[in-house]
């Protein structure tokens, strides 16, 4: 699969219920052996099984947007152990999994897949024209 936005996220952007610059946006490491993405129907963090989540989600800082392109500071996941990681998922954190909307699914980032070994995992966002994602 290629990097993509979840369909419900597109709708939420259009309806103004996801505000990229002001909402708390987090990124999650995902084991795709335990999670099969469905961009059309998956809507909330609760759609991703807890067993498929690797490490602790990180909050995006330094978020920017220009010409429909989302960017942020690179992210470091510290001392990661667990299952292999084949994808990243961005979501808006509401504090409740059942109401935290999924935004983007990224599985073609540099360094993926990766097997955690207790060290840090650094996520460097694309320097190309689409950065993290483009609406």
N, C-alpha and C. Protein backbone atom coordinates (compact mmCIF):
# COMPACT_ATOMS: atom_id res chain seq x y z
N UNK A 1 0.85 -1.18 0.00
CA UNK A 1 0.00 0.00 0.00
C UNK A 1 0.89 1.24 0.00
N UNK A 2 0.39 2.29 -0.53
CA UNK A 2 1.13 3.56 -0.54
C UNK A 2 0.63 4.46 0.57
N UNK A 3 1.40 5.45 0.92
CA UNK A 3 1.00 6.42 1.94
C UNK A 3 -0.33 7.04 1.53
N UNK A 4 -1.23 7.24 2.51
CA UNK A 4 -2.54 7.78 2.18
C UNK A 4 -3.21 8.36 3.42
N UNK A 5 -4.21 9.18 3.18
CA UNK A 5 -5.06 9.69 4.25
C UNK A 5 -6.26 8.77 4.42
N UNK A 6 -6.72 8.64 5.65
CA UNK A 6 -7.94 7.90 5.91
C UNK A 6 -9.11 8.74 5.36
N UNK A 7 -10.10 8.06 4.76
CA UNK A 7 -11.24 8.77 4.17
C UNK A 7 -11.98 9.64 5.18
N UNK A 8 -12.18 9.12 6.39
CA UNK A 8 -12.89 9.88 7.42
C UNK A 8 -12.09 11.11 7.83
N UNK A 9 -10.77 11.05 7.75
CA UNK A 9 -9.94 12.21 8.06
C UNK A 9 -10.16 13.31 7.03
N UNK A 10 -10.23 12.93 5.77
CA UNK A 10 -10.50 13.92 4.72
C UNK A 10 -11.80 14.66 5.02
N UNK A 11 -12.80 13.90 5.40
CA UNK A 11 -14.10 14.48 5.74
C UNK A 11 -13.97 15.42 6.94
N UNK A 12 -13.24 14.97 7.96
CA UNK A 12 -13.08 15.80 9.17
C UNK A 12 -12.30 17.08 8.88
N UNK A 13 -11.31 17.02 7.99
CA UNK A 13 -10.61 18.25 7.59
C UNK A 13 -11.58 19.22 6.93
N UNK A 14 -12.41 18.70 6.03
CA UNK A 14 -13.36 19.55 5.31
C UNK A 14 -14.42 20.14 6.24
N UNK A 15 -14.79 19.39 7.26
CA UNK A 15 -15.81 19.85 8.21
C UNK A 15 -15.23 20.67 9.36
N UNK A 16 -13.91 20.78 9.40
CA UNK A 16 -13.27 21.58 10.43
C UNK A 16 -13.15 20.92 11.79
N UNK A 17 -13.27 19.59 11.85
CA UNK A 17 -13.13 18.91 13.15
C UNK A 17 -11.71 18.39 13.38
N UNK A 18 -10.84 18.49 12.38
CA UNK A 18 -9.41 18.28 12.58
C UNK A 18 -8.74 19.59 12.18
N UNK A 19 -8.06 20.19 13.15
CA UNK A 19 -7.32 21.43 12.93
C UNK A 19 -5.85 21.11 13.14
N UNK A 20 -5.16 20.82 12.06
CA UNK A 20 -3.80 20.31 12.13
C UNK A 20 -2.88 21.17 12.98
N UNK A 21 -2.93 22.47 12.82
CA UNK A 21 -1.97 23.34 13.51
C UNK A 21 -2.24 23.47 15.02
N UNK A 22 -3.48 23.34 15.44
CA UNK A 22 -3.81 23.57 16.85
C UNK A 22 -4.18 22.31 17.63
N UNK A 23 -4.62 21.27 16.95
CA UNK A 23 -4.96 20.02 17.65
C UNK A 23 -3.68 19.28 18.04
N UNK A 24 -3.79 18.40 19.03
CA UNK A 24 -2.69 17.52 19.40
C UNK A 24 -2.65 16.37 18.41
N UNK A 25 -1.62 16.36 17.57
CA UNK A 25 -1.46 15.32 16.56
C UNK A 25 -0.30 14.43 17.00
N UNK A 26 -0.56 13.12 17.00
CA UNK A 26 0.47 12.16 17.42
C UNK A 26 0.77 11.20 16.30
N UNK A 27 1.94 10.58 16.39
CA UNK A 27 2.35 9.55 15.44
C UNK A 27 2.61 8.26 16.23
N UNK A 28 2.20 7.17 15.63
CA UNK A 28 2.24 5.85 16.26
C UNK A 28 3.01 4.90 15.35
N UNK A 29 3.85 4.05 15.94
CA UNK A 29 4.52 2.98 15.21
C UNK A 29 3.58 1.78 15.16
N UNK A 30 3.46 1.15 13.97
CA UNK A 30 2.47 0.08 13.80
C UNK A 30 3.10 -1.16 13.17
N UNK A 31 2.75 -2.31 13.74
CA UNK A 31 3.12 -3.61 13.21
C UNK A 31 1.98 -4.05 12.29
N UNK A 32 2.23 -4.06 10.97
CA UNK A 32 1.16 -4.41 10.02
C UNK A 32 0.86 -5.91 9.99
N UNK A 33 1.66 -6.70 10.67
CA UNK A 33 1.32 -8.10 10.82
C UNK A 33 0.13 -8.28 11.75
N UNK A 34 -0.14 -7.25 12.57
CA UNK A 34 -1.25 -7.29 13.53
C UNK A 34 -2.33 -6.25 13.23
N UNK A 35 -2.11 -5.46 12.17
CA UNK A 35 -3.10 -4.44 11.77
C UNK A 35 -3.14 -4.36 10.26
N UNK A 36 -4.32 -4.57 9.71
CA UNK A 36 -4.54 -4.40 8.28
C UNK A 36 -5.33 -3.13 8.09
N UNK A 37 -4.71 -2.15 7.46
CA UNK A 37 -5.35 -0.85 7.28
C UNK A 37 -6.57 -0.97 6.36
N UNK A 38 -7.61 -0.21 6.69
CA UNK A 38 -8.77 -0.04 5.82
C UNK A 38 -9.05 1.45 5.79
N UNK A 39 -8.55 2.12 4.77
CA UNK A 39 -8.67 3.58 4.68
C UNK A 39 -10.11 4.04 4.57
N UNK A 40 -10.98 3.20 4.04
CA UNK A 40 -12.38 3.58 3.84
C UNK A 40 -13.21 3.50 5.12
N UNK A 41 -12.90 2.55 5.99
CA UNK A 41 -13.78 2.35 7.15
C UNK A 41 -13.14 2.65 8.50
N UNK A 42 -11.84 2.54 8.63
CA UNK A 42 -11.21 2.82 9.92
C UNK A 42 -11.27 4.32 10.19
N UNK A 43 -11.70 4.67 11.40
CA UNK A 43 -11.91 6.07 11.72
C UNK A 43 -11.17 6.54 12.97
N UNK A 44 -11.08 5.68 13.98
CA UNK A 44 -10.53 6.09 15.26
C UNK A 44 -9.37 5.20 15.69
N UNK A 45 -8.58 5.69 16.63
CA UNK A 45 -7.44 4.94 17.15
C UNK A 45 -7.87 3.56 17.64
N UNK A 46 -9.06 3.45 18.16
CA UNK A 46 -9.56 2.16 18.65
C UNK A 46 -9.68 1.12 17.53
N UNK A 47 -9.60 1.53 16.26
CA UNK A 47 -9.63 0.58 15.15
C UNK A 47 -8.29 -0.12 14.97
N UNK A 48 -7.25 0.37 15.61
CA UNK A 48 -5.93 -0.27 15.55
C UNK A 48 -5.75 -1.07 16.84
N UNK A 49 -5.64 -2.39 16.73
CA UNK A 49 -5.50 -3.21 17.93
C UNK A 49 -4.30 -2.78 18.77
N UNK A 50 -4.45 -2.82 20.08
CA UNK A 50 -3.36 -2.44 20.99
C UNK A 50 -2.11 -3.26 20.72
N UNK A 51 -2.26 -4.54 20.35
CA UNK A 51 -1.11 -5.40 20.10
C UNK A 51 -0.31 -4.95 18.87
N UNK A 52 -0.94 -4.19 17.98
CA UNK A 52 -0.25 -3.72 16.76
C UNK A 52 0.52 -2.43 16.99
N UNK A 53 0.33 -1.81 18.14
CA UNK A 53 0.99 -0.54 18.45
C UNK A 53 2.34 -0.81 19.12
N UNK A 54 3.38 -0.18 18.61
CA UNK A 54 4.72 -0.42 19.12
C UNK A 54 5.26 0.88 19.71
N UNK A 55 5.81 0.79 20.91
CA UNK A 55 6.36 1.98 21.55
C UNK A 55 5.27 2.94 22.04
N UNK A 56 5.70 4.13 22.40
CA UNK A 56 4.80 5.17 22.91
C UNK A 56 4.57 6.22 21.84
N UNK A 57 3.30 6.53 21.53
CA UNK A 57 3.04 7.56 20.51
C UNK A 57 3.72 8.87 20.87
N UNK A 58 4.18 9.58 19.84
CA UNK A 58 4.88 10.84 20.03
C UNK A 58 4.05 11.99 19.47
N UNK A 59 4.07 13.12 20.16
CA UNK A 59 3.32 14.31 19.74
C UNK A 59 4.15 15.10 18.74
N UNK A 60 3.50 15.49 17.64
CA UNK A 60 4.19 16.32 16.66
C UNK A 60 4.37 17.73 17.21
N UNK A 61 5.56 18.27 17.03
CA UNK A 61 5.88 19.65 17.44
C UNK A 61 6.33 20.41 16.21
N UNK A 62 6.27 21.72 16.28
CA UNK A 62 6.72 22.54 15.18
C UNK A 62 5.90 22.34 13.92
N UNK A 63 4.60 22.10 14.07
CA UNK A 63 3.74 21.83 12.91
C UNK A 63 3.61 23.08 12.04
N UNK A 64 3.64 22.84 10.74
CA UNK A 64 3.42 23.90 9.77
C UNK A 64 2.53 23.37 8.66
N UNK A 65 1.92 24.31 7.95
CA UNK A 65 1.15 23.94 6.76
C UNK A 65 1.32 25.05 5.74
N UNK A 66 1.51 24.65 4.51
CA UNK A 66 1.62 25.60 3.40
C UNK A 66 1.18 24.89 2.14
N UNK A 67 0.30 25.51 1.39
CA UNK A 67 -0.19 24.95 0.12
C UNK A 67 -0.78 23.55 0.31
N UNK A 68 -1.43 23.30 1.45
CA UNK A 68 -2.05 22.01 1.71
C UNK A 68 -1.09 20.92 2.13
N UNK A 69 0.15 21.29 2.45
CA UNK A 69 1.18 20.33 2.84
C UNK A 69 1.42 20.42 4.34
N UNK A 70 1.32 19.29 5.03
CA UNK A 70 1.55 19.22 6.47
C UNK A 70 3.00 18.83 6.74
N UNK A 71 3.63 19.53 7.66
CA UNK A 71 5.00 19.22 8.05
C UNK A 71 5.11 19.40 9.56
N UNK A 72 6.19 18.93 10.14
CA UNK A 72 6.46 19.07 11.57
C UNK A 72 7.92 18.72 11.80
N UNK A 73 8.37 18.95 13.02
CA UNK A 73 9.72 18.54 13.40
C UNK A 73 9.83 17.02 13.32
N UNK A 74 11.03 16.54 13.05
CA UNK A 74 11.26 15.10 13.09
C UNK A 74 10.96 14.59 14.49
N UNK A 75 10.71 13.29 14.60
CA UNK A 75 10.26 12.68 15.86
C UNK A 75 11.22 11.57 16.28
N UNK A 76 11.47 11.44 17.58
CA UNK A 76 12.26 10.34 18.12
C UNK A 76 11.42 9.53 19.09
N UNK A 77 11.35 8.23 18.83
CA UNK A 77 10.74 7.28 19.76
C UNK A 77 11.90 6.70 20.57
N UNK A 78 11.86 6.86 21.88
CA UNK A 78 12.97 6.45 22.74
C UNK A 78 12.84 5.01 23.21
N UNK A 79 13.97 4.32 23.26
CA UNK A 79 14.11 2.96 23.79
C UNK A 79 12.94 2.06 23.41
N UNK A 80 12.81 1.82 22.12
CA UNK A 80 11.68 1.04 21.59
C UNK A 80 12.00 -0.45 21.58
N UNK A 81 11.07 -1.22 22.10
CA UNK A 81 11.13 -2.68 22.04
C UNK A 81 9.79 -3.16 21.50
N UNK A 82 9.75 -4.42 21.11
CA UNK A 82 8.48 -4.99 20.67
C UNK A 82 8.55 -5.50 19.24
N UNK A 83 7.38 -5.62 18.65
CA UNK A 83 7.23 -6.18 17.31
C UNK A 83 7.87 -5.29 16.25
N UNK A 84 8.02 -5.87 15.06
CA UNK A 84 8.55 -5.10 13.93
C UNK A 84 7.57 -3.98 13.57
N UNK A 85 8.12 -2.92 12.98
CA UNK A 85 7.33 -1.75 12.61
C UNK A 85 7.40 -1.60 11.10
N UNK A 86 6.23 -1.61 10.47
CA UNK A 86 6.16 -1.45 9.02
C UNK A 86 5.42 -0.19 8.59
N UNK A 87 4.78 0.49 9.55
CA UNK A 87 4.01 1.68 9.18
C UNK A 87 3.96 2.68 10.33
N UNK A 88 3.64 3.91 9.96
CA UNK A 88 3.37 4.99 10.91
C UNK A 88 1.93 5.43 10.72
N UNK A 89 1.26 5.76 11.81
CA UNK A 89 -0.10 6.29 11.71
C UNK A 89 -0.16 7.59 12.49
N UNK A 90 -0.69 8.62 11.83
CA UNK A 90 -0.93 9.91 12.49
C UNK A 90 -2.38 9.97 12.91
N UNK A 91 -2.62 10.55 14.09
CA UNK A 91 -3.99 10.70 14.56
C UNK A 91 -4.10 11.94 15.44
N UNK A 92 -5.32 12.42 15.56
CA UNK A 92 -5.63 13.53 16.47
C UNK A 92 -5.93 12.91 17.83
N UNK A 93 -5.19 13.30 18.85
CA UNK A 93 -5.38 12.75 20.19
C UNK A 93 -6.42 13.56 20.96
N UNK A 94 -7.54 12.93 21.26
CA UNK A 94 -8.58 13.58 22.07
C UNK A 94 -8.50 13.13 23.52
N UNK A 95 -7.62 12.16 23.80
CA UNK A 95 -7.53 11.59 25.14
C UNK A 95 -8.36 10.33 25.29
N UNK A 96 -9.18 10.01 24.27
CA UNK A 96 -10.04 8.82 24.28
C UNK A 96 -9.85 8.10 22.95
N UNK A 97 -9.43 6.84 23.00
CA UNK A 97 -9.15 6.11 21.76
C UNK A 97 -10.35 6.07 20.82
N UNK A 98 -11.55 5.92 21.37
CA UNK A 98 -12.76 5.78 20.55
C UNK A 98 -13.19 7.07 19.88
N UNK A 99 -12.54 8.20 20.24
CA UNK A 99 -12.88 9.48 19.60
C UNK A 99 -11.66 10.18 19.01
N UNK A 100 -10.52 9.48 18.96
CA UNK A 100 -9.28 10.04 18.41
C UNK A 100 -9.18 9.66 16.93
N UNK A 101 -9.47 10.60 16.01
CA UNK A 101 -9.52 10.26 14.59
C UNK A 101 -8.17 9.94 13.97
N UNK A 102 -8.17 8.89 13.17
CA UNK A 102 -6.99 8.54 12.39
C UNK A 102 -6.87 9.53 11.24
N UNK A 103 -5.64 9.91 10.91
CA UNK A 103 -5.42 10.90 9.86
C UNK A 103 -4.69 10.29 8.66
N UNK A 104 -3.49 9.79 8.88
CA UNK A 104 -2.66 9.33 7.77
C UNK A 104 -2.00 7.99 8.09
N UNK A 105 -1.83 7.21 7.04
CA UNK A 105 -1.16 5.92 7.11
C UNK A 105 0.08 6.02 6.21
N UNK A 106 1.26 5.77 6.79
CA UNK A 106 2.51 5.92 6.06
C UNK A 106 3.29 4.62 6.17
N UNK A 107 3.52 3.96 5.03
CA UNK A 107 4.27 2.71 5.07
C UNK A 107 5.43 2.69 4.08
N UNK A 108 5.73 3.83 3.47
CA UNK A 108 6.85 3.87 2.54
C UNK A 108 7.92 4.86 2.98
N UNK A 109 7.98 5.16 4.27
CA UNK A 109 8.98 6.08 4.80
C UNK A 109 10.37 5.42 4.80
N UNK A 110 11.40 6.23 4.67
CA UNK A 110 12.77 5.74 4.74
C UNK A 110 12.99 5.06 6.09
N UNK A 111 13.58 3.88 6.05
CA UNK A 111 13.88 3.15 7.28
C UNK A 111 12.85 2.10 7.64
N UNK A 112 11.72 2.07 6.95
CA UNK A 112 10.71 1.05 7.22
C UNK A 112 10.90 -0.10 6.24
N UNK A 113 10.72 -1.32 6.70
CA UNK A 113 10.40 -1.72 8.07
C UNK A 113 11.64 -1.67 8.97
N UNK A 114 11.36 -1.71 10.27
CA UNK A 114 12.44 -1.69 11.25
C UNK A 114 12.06 -2.63 12.40
N UNK A 115 13.05 -3.32 12.93
CA UNK A 115 12.83 -4.18 14.09
C UNK A 115 13.43 -3.49 15.30
N UNK A 116 12.60 -3.12 16.28
CA UNK A 116 13.11 -2.45 17.48
C UNK A 116 14.12 -3.33 18.22
N UNK A 117 15.14 -2.65 18.77
CA UNK A 117 16.17 -3.39 19.51
C UNK A 117 16.46 -2.75 20.87
N UNK A 118 15.53 -1.92 21.34
CA UNK A 118 15.73 -1.24 22.61
C UNK A 118 16.33 0.14 22.46
N UNK A 119 16.75 0.48 21.25
CA UNK A 119 17.31 1.80 20.98
C UNK A 119 16.24 2.77 20.51
N UNK A 120 16.66 3.93 20.10
CA UNK A 120 15.74 4.95 19.61
C UNK A 120 15.40 4.70 18.15
N UNK A 121 14.19 5.11 17.77
CA UNK A 121 13.77 5.11 16.38
C UNK A 121 13.50 6.55 16.00
N UNK A 122 14.25 7.03 15.03
CA UNK A 122 14.10 8.41 14.57
C UNK A 122 13.27 8.43 13.30
N UNK A 123 12.26 9.29 13.29
CA UNK A 123 11.42 9.48 12.10
C UNK A 123 11.77 10.83 11.51
N UNK A 124 12.32 10.79 10.31
CA UNK A 124 12.68 12.01 9.59
C UNK A 124 11.65 12.19 8.49
N UNK A 125 10.86 13.25 8.59
CA UNK A 125 9.81 13.49 7.61
C UNK A 125 10.41 13.80 6.26
N UNK A 126 9.72 13.43 5.22
CA UNK A 126 10.15 13.61 3.84
C UNK A 126 10.54 15.05 3.55
N UNK A 127 11.67 15.24 2.89
CA UNK A 127 12.08 16.57 2.49
C UNK A 127 11.53 16.97 1.14
N UNK A 128 10.79 16.05 0.50
CA UNK A 128 10.19 16.33 -0.80
C UNK A 128 8.99 17.25 -0.69
N UNK A 129 8.29 17.43 -1.78
CA UNK A 129 7.20 18.41 -1.82
C UNK A 129 5.99 18.05 -0.96
N UNK A 130 5.80 16.78 -0.62
CA UNK A 130 4.62 16.37 0.14
C UNK A 130 4.86 16.27 1.65
N UNK A 131 6.12 16.45 2.12
CA UNK A 131 6.47 16.41 3.54
C UNK A 131 5.81 15.22 4.23
N UNK A 132 4.95 15.45 5.26
CA UNK A 132 4.28 14.35 5.95
C UNK A 132 3.11 13.85 5.10
N UNK A 133 2.24 14.79 4.72
CA UNK A 133 1.14 14.46 3.80
C UNK A 133 0.65 15.74 3.15
N UNK A 134 -0.08 15.56 2.07
CA UNK A 134 -0.65 16.69 1.34
C UNK A 134 -2.13 16.45 1.15
N UNK A 135 -2.92 17.48 1.44
CA UNK A 135 -4.36 17.37 1.22
C UNK A 135 -4.69 17.54 -0.24
